[in-house]
Amino acid sequence: MKTYRIAVAGCGGMARTWVEYALEREDAEIVALVDVFPEAAKAMAERYGLTCGTYADLAEAIADSGANLVFDVTIPATHHKIASTALEAGCHVFGEKPMAATMEEARELIRIADRTGKSHAIMQNRRYNANIRALQGLIAGGAIGRVGYVGADFFLGPHFGGFRDAMDSPLILDMAIHTFDQARFMTGADPVSVYCHEFNPPGSWYAGNAAAVCIFEMTDGSVFCYRGSWCAEGAPTSWEASWRITGERGTAIWDGENAPYAEVAVQGEPERKFLRDCSRIEAPFDWKGRQGHAGCLDEMFAALSEGRRAETDGRDNVHSIAMVLGALESAKTGRKVWLNEI
């Protein structure tokens, strides 16, 4: 018998990646497909030749199928309802970001996971990249010393069409959490406060604010500065952003595509020298995991089998969603927001 009996909640386009991953695993079986639009669930079953039941109600699907794991690939507004229903029914939950629409909902999901003893892990696929793992190793290894500044530039001009074009804050709500979470992963620090200025540049095709500058203070005393735009035509950055991390001894650089590296001040140089010479340090590439969604799902399943919390467990991921919601509150009020307030 398969160890993991999976009910997939949400049968839109993103769910295909999750379904295809599950079908690769010998210890997993998709036992139910759930969507508020029954035709979407049926289309998913036909696409992958699945003979499992299709449902419009998750609780019914779990009861009928005996599922013990739910993939929540629904829209953000329903993440709390889906995850809480699944956890209360005795299922583990692997969900798409963000973990919830509000901090109140996020905290309640953590309480339910604690009470039920079930796992609730969140997809943060952009942590699972050989280059970012190498950059994190470079920083954690002390190559540049104690970190003082982290800067990320994210400038792209995607013409999605659809719901993003009508959102109030498409960049912060739909994309920035990836970069915010990456900053936390790189440094091992969590956010303390944020000041955010959000705006919609000339030429924007979005109804809401598609650009922002955010300044976060972090628990290690460093400052993380995010500059981004989703309506920037020309000279695009990587989807992974362009990074500069400055420490007490040097600077680490990653353009989001190529291998990261650091330049560190040469020891023994005269202290009064105007500009000290620096030596280049290559980042260590010793991570053997898979990229993107597969890498994150591999970690989630490994955590379940080993009886530990996943790297992106909700108790950790709540700090990433706090960065998003704190930035939006700051932009709305025009003031610095202390994240313990939210």
C-alpha atoms as a PDB file:
ATOM      1  CA  MET A   1       0.000   0.000   0.000  1.00  0.00           C
ATOM      2  CA  LYS A   2       1.264   3.475  -0.844  1.00  0.00           C
ATOM      3  CA  THR A   3       2.387   5.515   2.183  1.00  0.00           C
ATOM      4  CA  TYR A   4       0.985   8.837   1.021  1.00  0.00           C
ATOM      5  CA  ARG A   5      -2.627   9.047  -0.148  1.00  0.00           C
ATOM      6  CA  ILE A   6      -2.937  12.492  -1.701  1.00  0.00           C
ATOM      7  CA  ALA A   7      -5.989  14.683  -2.237  1.00  0.00           C
ATOM      8  CA  VAL A   8      -5.196  17.558  -4.586  1.00  0.00           C
ATOM      9  CA  ALA A   9      -7.216  20.690  -3.786  1.00  0.00           C
ATOM     10  CA  GLY A  10      -7.285  23.076  -6.718  1.00  0.00           C
ATOM     11  CA  CYS A  11      -6.987  21.772 -10.272  1.00  0.00           C
ATOM     12  CA  GLY A  12      -5.788  24.858 -12.140  1.00  0.00           C
ATOM     13  CA  GLY A  13      -2.604  25.180 -14.169  1.00  0.00           C
ATOM     14  CA  MET A  14      -0.204  25.317 -11.190  1.00  0.00           C
ATOM     15  CA  ALA A  15      -1.574  22.013  -9.894  1.00  0.00           C
ATOM     16  CA  ARG A  16      -0.061  20.187 -12.871  1.00  0.00           C
ATOM     17  CA  THR A  17       3.454  20.581 -11.455  1.00  0.00           C
ATOM     18  CA  TRP A  18       2.329  19.088  -8.139  1.00  0.00           C
ATOM     19  CA  VAL A  19       0.403  16.231  -9.760  1.00  0.00           C
ATOM     20  CA  GLU A  20       3.292  15.335 -12.056  1.00  0.00           C
ATOM     21  CA  TYR A  21       5.626  15.261  -9.074  1.00  0.00           C
ATOM     22  CA  ALA A  22       3.310  12.944  -7.120  1.00  0.00           C
ATOM     23  CA  LEU A  23       2.998  10.583 -10.063  1.00  0.00           C
ATOM     24  CA  GLU A  24       6.787  10.134 -10.047  1.00  0.00           C
ATOM     25  CA  ARG A  25       6.867   8.897  -6.456  1.00  0.00           C
ATOM     26  CA  GLU A  26       6.565   5.180  -5.776  1.00  0.00           C
ATOM     27  CA  ASP A  27       5.317   5.835  -2.238  1.00  0.00           C
ATOM     28  CA  ALA A  28       2.498   8.199  -3.236  1.00  0.00           C
ATOM     29  CA  GLU A  29      -0.916   7.846  -4.838  1.00  0.00           C
ATOM     30  CA  ILE A  30      -3.406  10.518  -5.878  1.00  0.00           C
ATOM     31  CA  VAL A  31      -6.723   9.393  -4.412  1.00  0.00           C
ATOM     32  CA  ALA A  32      -8.891  12.493  -4.926  1.00  0.00           C
ATOM     33  CA  LEU A  33      -9.073  15.645  -7.038  1.00  0.00           C
ATOM     34  CA  VAL A  34     -10.990  18.598  -5.601  1.00  0.00           C
ATOM     35  CA  ASP A  35     -12.107  21.845  -7.203  1.00  0.00           C
ATOM     36  CA  VAL A  36     -15.066  24.198  -6.770  1.00  0.00           C
ATOM     37  CA  PHE A  37     -15.510  23.775 -10.505  1.00  0.00           C
ATOM     38  CA  PRO A  38     -16.130  20.017 -10.944  1.00  0.00           C
ATOM     39  CA  GLU A  39     -15.227  20.179 -14.621  1.00  0.00           C
ATOM     40  CA  ALA A  40     -11.682  21.301 -13.691  1.00  0.00           C
ATOM     41  CA  ALA A  41     -11.192  18.242 -11.483  1.00  0.00           C
ATOM     42  CA  LYS A  42     -12.543  15.951 -14.203  1.00  0.00           C
ATOM     43  CA  ALA A  43     -10.270  17.560 -16.805  1.00  0.00           C
ATOM     44  CA  MET A  44      -7.271  17.000 -14.534  1.00  0.00           C
ATOM     45  CA  ALA A  45      -8.197  13.333 -14.086  1.00  0.00           C
ATOM     46  CA  GLU A  46      -8.528  12.871 -17.844  1.00  0.00           C
ATOM     47  CA  ARG A  47      -5.263  14.676 -18.557  1.00  0.00           C
ATOM     48  CA  TYR A  48      -3.254  12.284 -16.380  1.00  0.00           C
ATOM     49  CA  GLY A  49      -5.351   9.143 -16.755  1.00  0.00           C
ATOM     50  CA  LEU A  50      -6.374   9.142 -13.082  1.00  0.00           C
ATOM     51  CA  THR A  51      -9.267   6.957 -11.951  1.00  0.00           C
ATOM     52  CA  CYS A  52      -9.665   8.574  -8.523  1.00  0.00           C
ATOM     53  CA  GLY A  53     -12.804  10.354  -7.430  1.00  0.00           C
ATOM     54  CA  THR A  54     -13.407  14.016  -8.263  1.00  0.00           C
ATOM     55  CA  TYR A  55     -15.095  16.303  -5.742  1.00  0.00           C
ATOM     56  CA  ALA A  56     -16.235  19.856  -5.091  1.00  0.00           C
ATOM     57  CA  ASP A  57     -15.852  19.522  -1.296  1.00  0.00           C
ATOM     58  CA  LEU A  58     -12.538  18.718   0.415  1.00  0.00           C
ATOM     59  CA  ALA A  59     -13.978  17.230   3.613  1.00  0.00           C
ATOM     60  CA  GLU A  60     -16.053  14.809   1.553  1.00  0.00           C
ATOM     61  CA  ALA A  61     -13.062  13.926  -0.591  1.00  0.00           C
ATOM     62  CA  ILE A  62     -10.913  13.119   2.451  1.00  0.00           C
ATOM     63  CA  ALA A  63     -13.644  11.018   4.070  1.00  0.00           C
ATOM     64  CA  ASP A  64     -14.358   9.044   0.891  1.00  0.00           C
ATOM     65  CA  SER A  65     -10.761   8.511  -0.250  1.00  0.00           C
ATOM     66  CA  GLY A  66      -8.913   8.001   3.023  1.00  0.00           C
ATOM     67  CA  ALA A  67      -6.417  10.709   2.064  1.00  0.00           C
ATOM     68  CA  ASN A  68      -3.668  11.437   4.588  1.00  0.00           C
ATOM     69  CA  LEU A  69      -1.979  14.287   2.714  1.00  0.00           C
ATOM     70  CA  VAL A  70      -3.487  17.308   0.971  1.00  0.00           C
ATOM     71  CA  PHE A  71      -1.825  19.383  -1.724  1.00  0.00           C
ATOM     72  CA  ASP A  72      -3.331  22.885  -1.410  1.00  0.00           C
ATOM     73  CA  VAL A  73      -2.920  24.479  -4.823  1.00  0.00           C
ATOM     74  CA  THR A  74      -5.918  26.783  -4.481  1.00  0.00           C
ATOM     75  CA  ILE A  75      -5.985  30.591  -4.599  1.00  0.00           C
ATOM     76  CA  PRO A  76      -4.509  32.481  -1.602  1.00  0.00           C
ATOM     77  CA  ALA A  77      -7.907  33.540  -0.269  1.00  0.00           C
ATOM     78  CA  THR A  78      -8.894  29.902   0.355  1.00  0.00           C
ATOM     79  CA  HIS A  79      -5.630  28.621   1.860  1.00  0.00           C
ATOM     80  CA  HIS A  80      -6.881  28.976   5.435  1.00  0.00           C
ATOM     81  CA  LYS A  81     -10.118  27.098   4.759  1.00  0.00           C
ATOM     82  CA  ILE A  82      -8.410  24.312   2.818  1.00  0.00           C
ATOM     83  CA  ALA A  83      -5.505  23.832   5.236  1.00  0.00           C
ATOM     84  CA  SER A  84      -7.639  24.001   8.383  1.00  0.00           C
ATOM     85  CA  THR A  85     -10.153  21.511   6.950  1.00  0.00           C
ATOM     86  CA  ALA A  86      -7.372  19.106   5.989  1.00  0.00           C
ATOM     87  CA  LEU A  87      -5.484  19.393   9.287  1.00  0.00           C
ATOM     88  CA  GLU A  88      -8.652  18.904  11.343  1.00  0.00           C
ATOM     89  CA  ALA A  89      -9.437  15.817   9.260  1.00  0.00           C
ATOM     90  CA  GLY A  90      -6.075  14.302  10.189  1.00  0.00           C
ATOM     91  CA  CYS A  91      -4.147  15.109   7.012  1.00  0.00           C
ATOM     92  CA  HIS A  92      -0.751  16.682   6.540  1.00  0.00           C
ATOM     93  CA  VAL A  93      -0.803  19.725   4.242  1.00  0.00           C
ATOM     94  CA  PHE A  94       1.658  20.904   1.616  1.00  0.00           C
ATOM     95  CA  GLY A  95       0.478  24.267   0.288  1.00  0.00           C
ATOM     96  CA  GLU A  96       1.288  26.969  -2.221  1.00  0.00           C
ATOM     97  CA  LYS A  97       2.463  30.357  -0.989  1.00  0.00           C
ATOM     98  CA  PRO A  98       1.322  32.462   0.746  1.00  0.00           C
ATOM     99  CA  MET A  99       0.308  30.263   3.669  1.00  0.00           C
ATOM    100  CA  ALA A 100      -2.729  32.479   4.378  1.00  0.00           C
ATOM    101  CA  ALA A 101      -4.302  35.793   3.425  1.00  0.00           C
ATOM    102  CA  THR A 102      -3.887  37.412   6.861  1.00  0.00           C
ATOM    103  CA  MET A 103      -1.614  37.068   9.883  1.00  0.00           C
ATOM    104  CA  GLU A 104      -4.603  35.997  11.991  1.00  0.00           C
ATOM    105  CA  GLU A 105      -5.260  33.124   9.609  1.00  0.00           C
ATOM    106  CA  ALA A 106      -1.574  32.187   9.492  1.00  0.00           C
ATOM    107  CA  ARG A 107      -1.300  32.081  13.285  1.00  0.00           C
ATOM    108  CA  GLU A 108      -4.457  29.984  13.548  1.00  0.00           C
ATOM    109  CA  LEU A 109      -3.078  27.442  11.074  1.00  0.00           C
ATOM    110  CA  ILE A 110       0.060  27.136  13.195  1.00  0.00           C
ATOM    111  CA  ARG A 111      -2.097  26.514  16.276  1.00  0.00           C
ATOM    112  CA  ILE A 112      -4.108  23.835  14.470  1.00  0.00           C
ATOM    113  CA  ALA A 113      -0.934  22.137  13.204  1.00  0.00           C
ATOM    114  CA  ASP A 114       0.453  22.158  16.761  1.00  0.00           C
ATOM    115  CA  ARG A 115      -2.760  20.713  18.205  1.00  0.00           C
ATOM    116  CA  THR A 116      -3.220  18.016  15.568  1.00  0.00           C
ATOM    117  CA  GLY A 117       0.460  17.132  15.289  1.00  0.00           C
ATOM    118  CA  LYS A 118       0.277  17.352  11.522  1.00  0.00           C
ATOM    119  CA  SER A 119       2.719  18.968   9.126  1.00  0.00           C
ATOM    120  CA  HIS A 120       1.858  22.173   7.293  1.00  0.00           C
ATOM    121  CA  ALA A 121       4.644  23.126   4.883  1.00  0.00           C
ATOM    122  CA  ILE A 122       4.656  25.902   2.295  1.00  0.00           C
ATOM    123  CA  MET A 123       6.029  25.938  -1.250  1.00  0.00           C
ATOM    124  CA  GLN A 124       9.005  28.306  -1.481  1.00  0.00           C
ATOM    125  CA  ASN A 125      10.506  26.871  -4.654  1.00  0.00           C
ATOM    126  CA  ARG A 126      13.012  29.690  -5.186  1.00  0.00           C
ATOM    127  CA  ARG A 127      15.072  28.527  -2.212  1.00  0.00           C
ATOM    128  CA  TYR A 128      15.823  25.360  -4.135  1.00  0.00           C
ATOM    129  CA  ASN A 129      18.451  26.539  -6.568  1.00  0.00           C
ATOM    130  CA  ALA A 130      22.102  25.520  -6.694  1.00  0.00           C
ATOM    131  CA  ASN A 131      23.295  29.128  -6.936  1.00  0.00           C
ATOM    132  CA  ILE A 132      21.316  30.437  -3.970  1.00  0.00           C
ATOM    133  CA  ARG A 133      22.425  27.446  -1.903  1.00  0.00           C
ATOM    134  CA  ALA A 134      26.020  28.256  -2.788  1.00  0.00           C
ATOM    135  CA  LEU A 135      25.484  31.911  -1.854  1.00  0.00           C
ATOM    136  CA  GLN A 136      23.964  30.915   1.472  1.00  0.00           C
ATOM    137  CA  GLY A 137      26.951  28.667   2.115  1.00  0.00           C
ATOM    138  CA  LEU A 138      29.326  31.508   1.311  1.00  0.00           C
ATOM    139  CA  ILE A 139      27.602  33.787   3.834  1.00  0.00           C
ATOM    140  CA  ALA A 140      27.121  31.135   6.526  1.00  0.00           C
ATOM    141  CA  GLY A 141      30.773  30.136   6.163  1.00  0.00           C
ATOM    142  CA  GLY A 142      31.825  33.629   7.210  1.00  0.00           C
ATOM    143  CA  ALA A 143      33.553  34.605   3.969  1.00  0.00           C
ATOM    144  CA  ILE A 144      32.352  38.219   4.178  1.00  0.00           C
ATOM    145  CA  GLY A 145      32.042  38.361   7.969  1.00  0.00           C
ATOM    146  CA  ARG A 146      28.994  39.637   9.799  1.00  0.00           C
ATOM    147  CA  VAL A 147      26.348  40.830   7.340  1.00  0.00           C
ATOM    148  CA  GLY A 148      25.342  44.486   7.481  1.00  0.00           C
ATOM    149  CA  TYR A 149      23.421  45.043   4.248  1.00  0.00           C
ATOM    150  CA  VAL A 150      21.416  42.882   1.854  1.00  0.00           C
ATOM    151  CA  GLY A 151      20.156  44.401  -1.392  1.00  0.00           C
ATOM    152  CA  ALA A 152      17.889  42.794  -3.974  1.00  0.00           C
ATOM    153  CA  ASP A 153      16.829  44.384  -7.271  1.00  0.00           C
ATOM    154  CA  PHE A 154      13.906  42.822  -9.141  1.00  0.00           C
ATOM    155  CA  PHE A 155      12.962  44.541 -12.402  1.00  0.00           C
ATOM    156  CA  LEU A 156      10.875  42.735 -15.013  1.00  0.00           C
ATOM    157  CA  GLY A 157       8.008  43.617 -17.346  1.00  0.00           C
ATOM    158  CA  PRO A 158       5.783  40.538 -17.703  1.00  0.00           C
ATOM    159  CA  HIS A 159       2.486  41.055 -19.518  1.00  0.00           C
ATOM    160  CA  PHE A 160       0.431  38.399 -17.766  1.00  0.00           C
ATOM    161  CA  GLY A 161      -3.040  39.649 -18.458  1.00  0.00           C
ATOM    162  CA  GLY A 162      -5.795  38.319 -16.243  1.00  0.00           C
ATOM    163  CA  PHE A 163      -6.158  38.797 -12.484  1.00  0.00           C
ATOM    164  CA  ARG A 164      -2.687  40.260 -11.836  1.00  0.00           C
ATOM    165  CA  ASP A 165      -3.435  43.270 -14.028  1.00  0.00           C
ATOM    166  CA  ALA A 166      -6.389  44.137 -11.784  1.00  0.00           C
ATOM    167  CA  MET A 167      -4.766  43.519  -8.366  1.00  0.00           C
ATOM    168  CA  ASP A 168      -4.188  46.376  -5.937  1.00  0.00           C
ATOM    169  CA  SER A 169      -0.568  45.392  -5.198  1.00  0.00           C
ATOM    170  CA  PRO A 170       0.489  42.834  -7.813  1.00  0.00           C
ATOM    171  CA  LEU A 171       4.242  42.966  -7.124  1.00  0.00           C
ATOM    172  CA  ILE A 172       4.136  42.774  -3.325  1.00  0.00           C
ATOM    173  CA  LEU A 173       1.213  40.359  -3.084  1.00  0.00           C
ATOM    174  CA  ASP A 174       2.029  37.960  -5.892  1.00  0.00           C
ATOM    175  CA  MET A 175       5.809  37.929  -6.281  1.00  0.00           C
ATOM    176  CA  ALA A 176       7.820  39.732  -3.613  1.00  0.00           C
ATOM    177  CA  ILE A 177       7.365  36.964  -1.031  1.00  0.00           C
ATOM    178  CA  HIS A 178       9.819  34.873  -3.075  1.00  0.00           C
ATOM    179  CA  THR A 179      12.565  37.482  -2.753  1.00  0.00           C
ATOM    180  CA  PHE A 180      11.694  38.229   0.881  1.00  0.00           C
ATOM    181  CA  ASP A 181      11.932  34.524   1.715  1.00  0.00           C
ATOM    182  CA  GLN A 182      15.224  34.221  -0.162  1.00  0.00           C
ATOM    183  CA  ALA A 183      16.701  37.041   1.932  1.00  0.00           C
ATOM    184  CA  ARG A 184      15.688  35.225   5.120  1.00  0.00           C
ATOM    185  CA  PHE A 185      17.176  31.983   3.825  1.00  0.00           C
ATOM    186  CA  MET A 186      20.473  33.574   2.777  1.00  0.00           C
ATOM    187  CA  THR A 187      21.107  35.329   6.061  1.00  0.00           C
ATOM    188  CA  GLY A 188      19.286  33.175   8.615  1.00  0.00           C
ATOM    189  CA  ALA A 189      17.702  36.389   9.953  1.00  0.00           C
ATOM    190  CA  ASP A 190      14.037  37.311  10.404  1.00  0.00           C
ATOM    191  CA  PRO A 191      12.340  40.688   9.910  1.00  0.00           C
ATOM    192  CA  VAL A 192      11.880  43.197  12.740  1.00  0.00           C
ATOM    193  CA  SER A 193      10.431  46.241  10.962  1.00  0.00           C
ATOM    194  CA  VAL A 194       9.672  47.556   7.480  1.00  0.00           C
ATOM    195  CA  TYR A 195       9.170  50.833   5.670  1.00  0.00           C
ATOM    196  CA  CYS A 196       7.636  50.452   2.211  1.00  0.00           C
ATOM    197  CA  HIS A 197       6.890  52.982  -0.498  1.00  0.00           C
ATOM    198  CA  GLU A 198       4.648  51.465  -3.165  1.00  0.00           C
ATOM    199  CA  PHE A 199       3.779  53.190  -6.451  1.00  0.00           C
ATOM    200  CA  ASN A 200       2.689  52.673 -10.038  1.00  0.00           C
ATOM    201  CA  PRO A 201       5.238  54.019 -12.558  1.00  0.00           C
ATOM    202  CA  PRO A 202       4.415  55.789 -15.830  1.00  0.00           C
ATOM    203  CA  GLY A 203       3.564  53.332 -18.580  1.00  0.00           C
ATOM    204  CA  SER A 204       2.337  50.667 -16.177  1.00  0.00           C
ATOM    205  CA  TRP A 205      -0.322  48.309 -17.523  1.00  0.00           C
ATOM    206  CA  TYR A 206      -1.386  47.294 -14.002  1.00  0.00           C
ATOM    207  CA  ALA A 207      -4.355  48.874 -12.222  1.00  0.00           C
ATOM    208  CA  GLY A 208      -2.599  48.630  -8.844  1.00  0.00           C
ATOM    209  CA  ASN A 209       0.861  49.578  -7.651  1.00  0.00           C
ATOM    210  CA  ALA A 210       3.380  47.489  -9.587  1.00  0.00           C
ATOM    211  CA  ALA A 211       6.593  48.872  -8.045  1.00  0.00           C
ATOM    212  CA  ALA A 212       7.954  49.242  -4.536  1.00  0.00           C
ATOM    213  CA  VAL A 213      10.970  50.032  -2.403  1.00  0.00           C
ATOM    214  CA  CYS A 214      11.078  48.253   0.971  1.00  0.00           C
ATOM    215  CA  ILE A 215      13.584  48.664   3.810  1.00  0.00           C
ATOM    216  CA  PHE A 216      13.584  45.887   6.409  1.00  0.00           C
ATOM    217  CA  GLU A 217      15.501  45.780   9.665  1.00  0.00           C
ATOM    218  CA  MET A 218      16.450  42.205  10.529  1.00  0.00           C
ATOM    219  CA  THR A 219      17.065  40.314  13.754  1.00  0.00           C
ATOM    220  CA  ASP A 220      20.828  40.150  13.155  1.00  0.00           C
ATOM    221  CA  GLY A 221      21.026  43.952  12.941  1.00  0.00           C
ATOM    222  CA  SER A 222      21.360  44.005   9.167  1.00  0.00           C
ATOM    223  CA  VAL A 223      19.234  45.984   6.717  1.00  0.00           C
ATOM    224  CA  PHE A 224      17.520  44.347   3.737  1.00  0.00           C
ATOM    225  CA  CYS A 225      16.573  46.700   0.908  1.00  0.00           C
ATOM    226  CA  TYR A 226      14.203  45.452  -1.799  1.00  0.00           C
ATOM    227  CA  ARG A 227      13.732  47.479  -4.980  1.00  0.00           C
ATOM    228  CA  GLY A 228      11.326  46.071  -7.512  1.00  0.00           C
ATOM    229  CA  SER A 229       9.038  46.676 -10.450  1.00  0.00           C
ATOM    230  CA  TRP A 230       6.798  44.421 -12.486  1.00  0.00           C
ATOM    231  CA  CYS A 231       6.368  46.947 -15.268  1.00  0.00           C
ATOM    232  CA  ALA A 232      10.026  47.623 -16.091  1.00  0.00           C
ATOM    233  CA  GLU A 233      10.590  47.279 -19.825  1.00  0.00           C
ATOM    234  CA  GLY A 234      14.168  46.574 -20.878  1.00  0.00           C
ATOM    235  CA  ALA A 235      17.331  45.443 -19.119  1.00  0.00           C
ATOM    236  CA  PRO A 236      15.522  42.820 -17.015  1.00  0.00           C
ATOM    237  CA  THR A 237      16.997  41.260 -13.915  1.00  0.00           C
ATOM    238  CA  SER A 238      16.726  37.545 -13.287  1.00  0.00           C
ATOM    239  CA  TRP A 239      13.499  36.214 -11.783  1.00  0.00           C
ATOM    240  CA  GLU A 240      15.739  35.375  -8.829  1.00  0.00           C
ATOM    241  CA  ALA A 241      16.616  39.106  -8.522  1.00  0.00           C
ATOM    242  CA  SER A 242      20.092  40.654  -8.496  1.00  0.00           C
ATOM    243  CA  TRP A 243      21.824  40.555  -5.097  1.00  0.00           C
ATOM    244  CA  ARG A 244      24.546  42.437  -3.188  1.00  0.00           C
ATOM    245  CA  ILE A 245      25.320  41.332   0.375  1.00  0.00           C
ATOM    246  CA  THR A 246      27.878  43.449   2.222  1.00  0.00           C
ATOM    247  CA  GLY A 247      29.645  42.214   5.339  1.00  0.00           C
ATOM    248  CA  GLU A 248      32.356  43.488   7.654  1.00  0.00           C
ATOM    249  CA  ARG A 249      35.137  41.965   5.514  1.00  0.00           C
ATOM    250  CA  GLY A 250      33.751  42.016   1.983  1.00  0.00           C
ATOM    251  CA  THR A 251      30.840  41.713  -0.428  1.00  0.00           C
ATOM    252  CA  ALA A 252      29.000  38.771  -1.986  1.00  0.00           C
ATOM    253  CA  ILE A 253      27.431  39.168  -5.436  1.00  0.00           C
ATOM    254  CA  TRP A 254      24.812  37.127  -7.280  1.00  0.00           C
ATOM    255  CA  ASP A 255      23.140  38.223 -10.501  1.00  0.00           C
ATOM    256  CA  GLY A 256      20.412  35.598 -10.085  1.00  0.00           C
ATOM    257  CA  GLU A 257      21.636  33.479 -12.982  1.00  0.00           C
ATOM    258  CA  ASN A 258      25.368  32.788 -12.780  1.00  0.00           C
ATOM    259  CA  ALA A 259      27.501  31.467  -9.926  1.00  0.00           C
ATOM    260  CA  PRO A 260      27.764  33.792  -6.921  1.00  0.00           C
ATOM    261  CA  TYR A 261      31.112  34.968  -5.595  1.00  0.00           C
ATOM    262  CA  ALA A 262      32.606  37.253  -2.987  1.00  0.00           C
ATOM    263  CA  GLU A 263      35.323  39.886  -2.969  1.00  0.00           C
ATOM    264  CA  VAL A 264      37.043  40.194   0.399  1.00  0.00           C
ATOM    265  CA  ALA A 265      39.555  42.777   1.608  1.00  0.00           C
ATOM    266  CA  VAL A 266      43.090  41.413   1.674  1.00  0.00           C
ATOM    267  CA  GLN A 267      44.310  41.035   5.235  1.00  0.00           C
ATOM    268  CA  GLY A 268      47.498  42.817   6.222  1.00  0.00           C
ATOM    269  CA  GLU A 269      46.939  45.843   3.988  1.00  0.00           C
ATOM    270  CA  PRO A 270      47.833  49.225   5.556  1.00  0.00           C
ATOM    271  CA  GLU A 271      44.824  50.472   7.506  1.00  0.00           C
ATOM    272  CA  ARG A 272      45.150  53.983   6.069  1.00  0.00           C
ATOM    273  CA  LYS A 273      45.168  52.814   2.452  1.00  0.00           C
ATOM    274  CA  PHE A 274      42.402  54.666   0.591  1.00  0.00           C
ATOM    275  CA  LEU A 275      40.961  51.614  -1.210  1.00  0.00           C
ATOM    276  CA  ARG A 276      42.139  48.229  -0.025  1.00  0.00           C
ATOM    277  CA  ASP A 277      42.890  45.411  -2.464  1.00  0.00           C
ATOM    278  CA  CYS A 278      40.400  42.552  -2.520  1.00  0.00           C
ATOM    279  CA  SER A 279      40.627  38.881  -3.404  1.00  0.00           C
ATOM    280  CA  ARG A 280      37.888  36.857  -5.054  1.00  0.00           C
ATOM    281  CA  ILE A 281      36.334  33.857  -3.305  1.00  0.00           C
ATOM    282  CA  GLU A 282      34.227  31.389  -5.281  1.00  0.00           C
ATOM    283  CA  ALA A 283      31.080  30.020  -3.653  1.00  0.00           C
ATOM    284  CA  PRO A 284      31.064  26.340  -2.584  1.00  0.00           C
ATOM    285  CA  PHE A 285      28.762  24.169  -4.709  1.00  0.00           C
ATOM    286  CA  ASP A 286      27.996  21.189  -2.503  1.00  0.00           C
ATOM    287  CA  TRP A 287      24.187  21.071  -2.613  1.00  0.00           C
ATOM    288  CA  LYS A 288      22.915  17.928  -4.372  1.00  0.00           C
ATOM    289  CA  GLY A 289      19.187  18.615  -4.335  1.00  0.00           C
ATOM    290  CA  ARG A 290      16.788  19.180  -7.204  1.00  0.00           C
ATOM    291  CA  GLN A 291      15.753  22.596  -8.468  1.00  0.00           C
ATOM    292  CA  GLY A 292      12.503  24.463  -7.916  1.00  0.00           C
ATOM    293  CA  HIS A 293       9.242  22.792  -6.985  1.00  0.00           C
ATOM    294  CA  ALA A 294      10.737  19.306  -7.066  1.00  0.00           C
ATOM    295  CA  GLY A 295      13.451  20.297  -4.609  1.00  0.00           C
ATOM    296  CA  CYS A 296      10.973  21.856  -2.188  1.00  0.00           C
ATOM    297  CA  LEU A 297       8.604  18.884  -2.405  1.00  0.00           C
ATOM    298  CA  ASP A 298      11.532  16.496  -1.901  1.00  0.00           C
ATOM    299  CA  GLU A 299      12.299  18.325   1.356  1.00  0.00           C
ATOM    300  CA  MET A 300       8.657  18.262   2.474  1.00  0.00           C
ATOM    301  CA  PHE A 301       8.374  14.504   1.954  1.00  0.00           C
ATOM    302  CA  ALA A 302      11.784  13.866   3.546  1.00  0.00           C
ATOM    303  CA  ALA A 303      10.687  15.816   6.633  1.00  0.00           C
ATOM    304  CA  LEU A 304       7.537  13.709   6.929  1.00  0.00           C
ATOM    305  CA  SER A 305       9.423  10.427   6.660  1.00  0.00           C
ATOM    306  CA  GLU A 306      12.057  11.593   9.158  1.00  0.00           C
ATOM    307  CA  GLY A 307       9.522  12.949  11.649  1.00  0.00           C
ATOM    308  CA  ARG A 308      10.816  16.532  11.632  1.00  0.00           C
ATOM    309  CA  ARG A 309       9.631  19.951  10.513  1.00  0.00           C
ATOM    310  CA  ALA A 310      10.229  20.850   6.888  1.00  0.00           C
ATOM    311  CA  GLU A 311      12.534  23.732   6.074  1.00  0.00           C
ATOM    312  CA  THR A 312       9.488  25.714   4.905  1.00  0.00           C
ATOM    313  CA  ASP A 313       7.205  24.639   7.749  1.00  0.00           C
ATOM    314  CA  GLY A 314       4.501  27.200   8.495  1.00  0.00           C
ATOM    315  CA  ARG A 315       6.108  28.102  11.822  1.00  0.00           C
ATOM    316  CA  ASP A 316       9.087  29.387   9.845  1.00  0.00           C
ATOM    317  CA  ASN A 317       7.229  30.634   6.788  1.00  0.00           C
ATOM    318  CA  VAL A 318       5.056  32.927   8.889  1.00  0.00           C
ATOM    319  CA  HIS A 319       8.023  35.324   8.987  1.00  0.00           C
ATOM    320  CA  SER A 320       8.002  35.563   5.183  1.00  0.00           C
ATOM    321  CA  ILE A 321       4.299  36.321   4.975  1.00  0.00           C
ATOM    322  CA  ALA A 322       4.773  38.881   7.769  1.00  0.00           C
ATOM    323  CA  MET A 323       7.199  40.714   5.478  1.00  0.00           C
ATOM    324  CA  VAL A 324       4.534  40.922   2.760  1.00  0.00           C
ATOM    325  CA  LEU A 325       1.709  42.030   5.039  1.00  0.00           C
ATOM    326  CA  GLY A 326       3.968  44.422   6.940  1.00  0.00           C
ATOM    327  CA  ALA A 327       5.115  46.035   3.697  1.00  0.00           C
ATOM    328  CA  LEU A 328       1.518  46.517   2.588  1.00  0.00           C
ATOM    329  CA  GLU A 329       0.579  48.056   5.943  1.00  0.00           C
ATOM    330  CA  SER A 330       3.543  50.420   5.726  1.00  0.00           C
ATOM    331  CA  ALA A 331       2.646  51.458   2.179  1.00  0.00           C
ATOM    332  CA  LYS A 332      -0.958  52.054   3.233  1.00  0.00           C
ATOM    333  CA  THR A 333      -0.151  54.095   6.344  1.00  0.00           C
ATOM    334  CA  GLY A 334       3.028  55.801   5.151  1.00  0.00           C
ATOM    335  CA  ARG A 335       4.914  54.830   8.298  1.00  0.00           C
ATOM    336  CA  LYS A 336       7.478  52.351   9.523  1.00  0.00           C
ATOM    337  CA  VAL A 337       5.765  49.177  10.746  1.00  0.00           C
ATOM    338  CA  TRP A 338       7.112  46.967  13.533  1.00  0.00           C
ATOM    339  CA  LEU A 339       6.256  43.437  12.555  1.00  0.00           C
ATOM    340  CA  ASN A 340       5.397  42.373  16.078  1.00  0.00           C
ATOM    341  CA  GLU A 341       2.431  44.751  15.713  1.00  0.00           C
ATOM    342  CA  ILE A 342       0.905  42.484  13.089  1.00  0.00           C
END
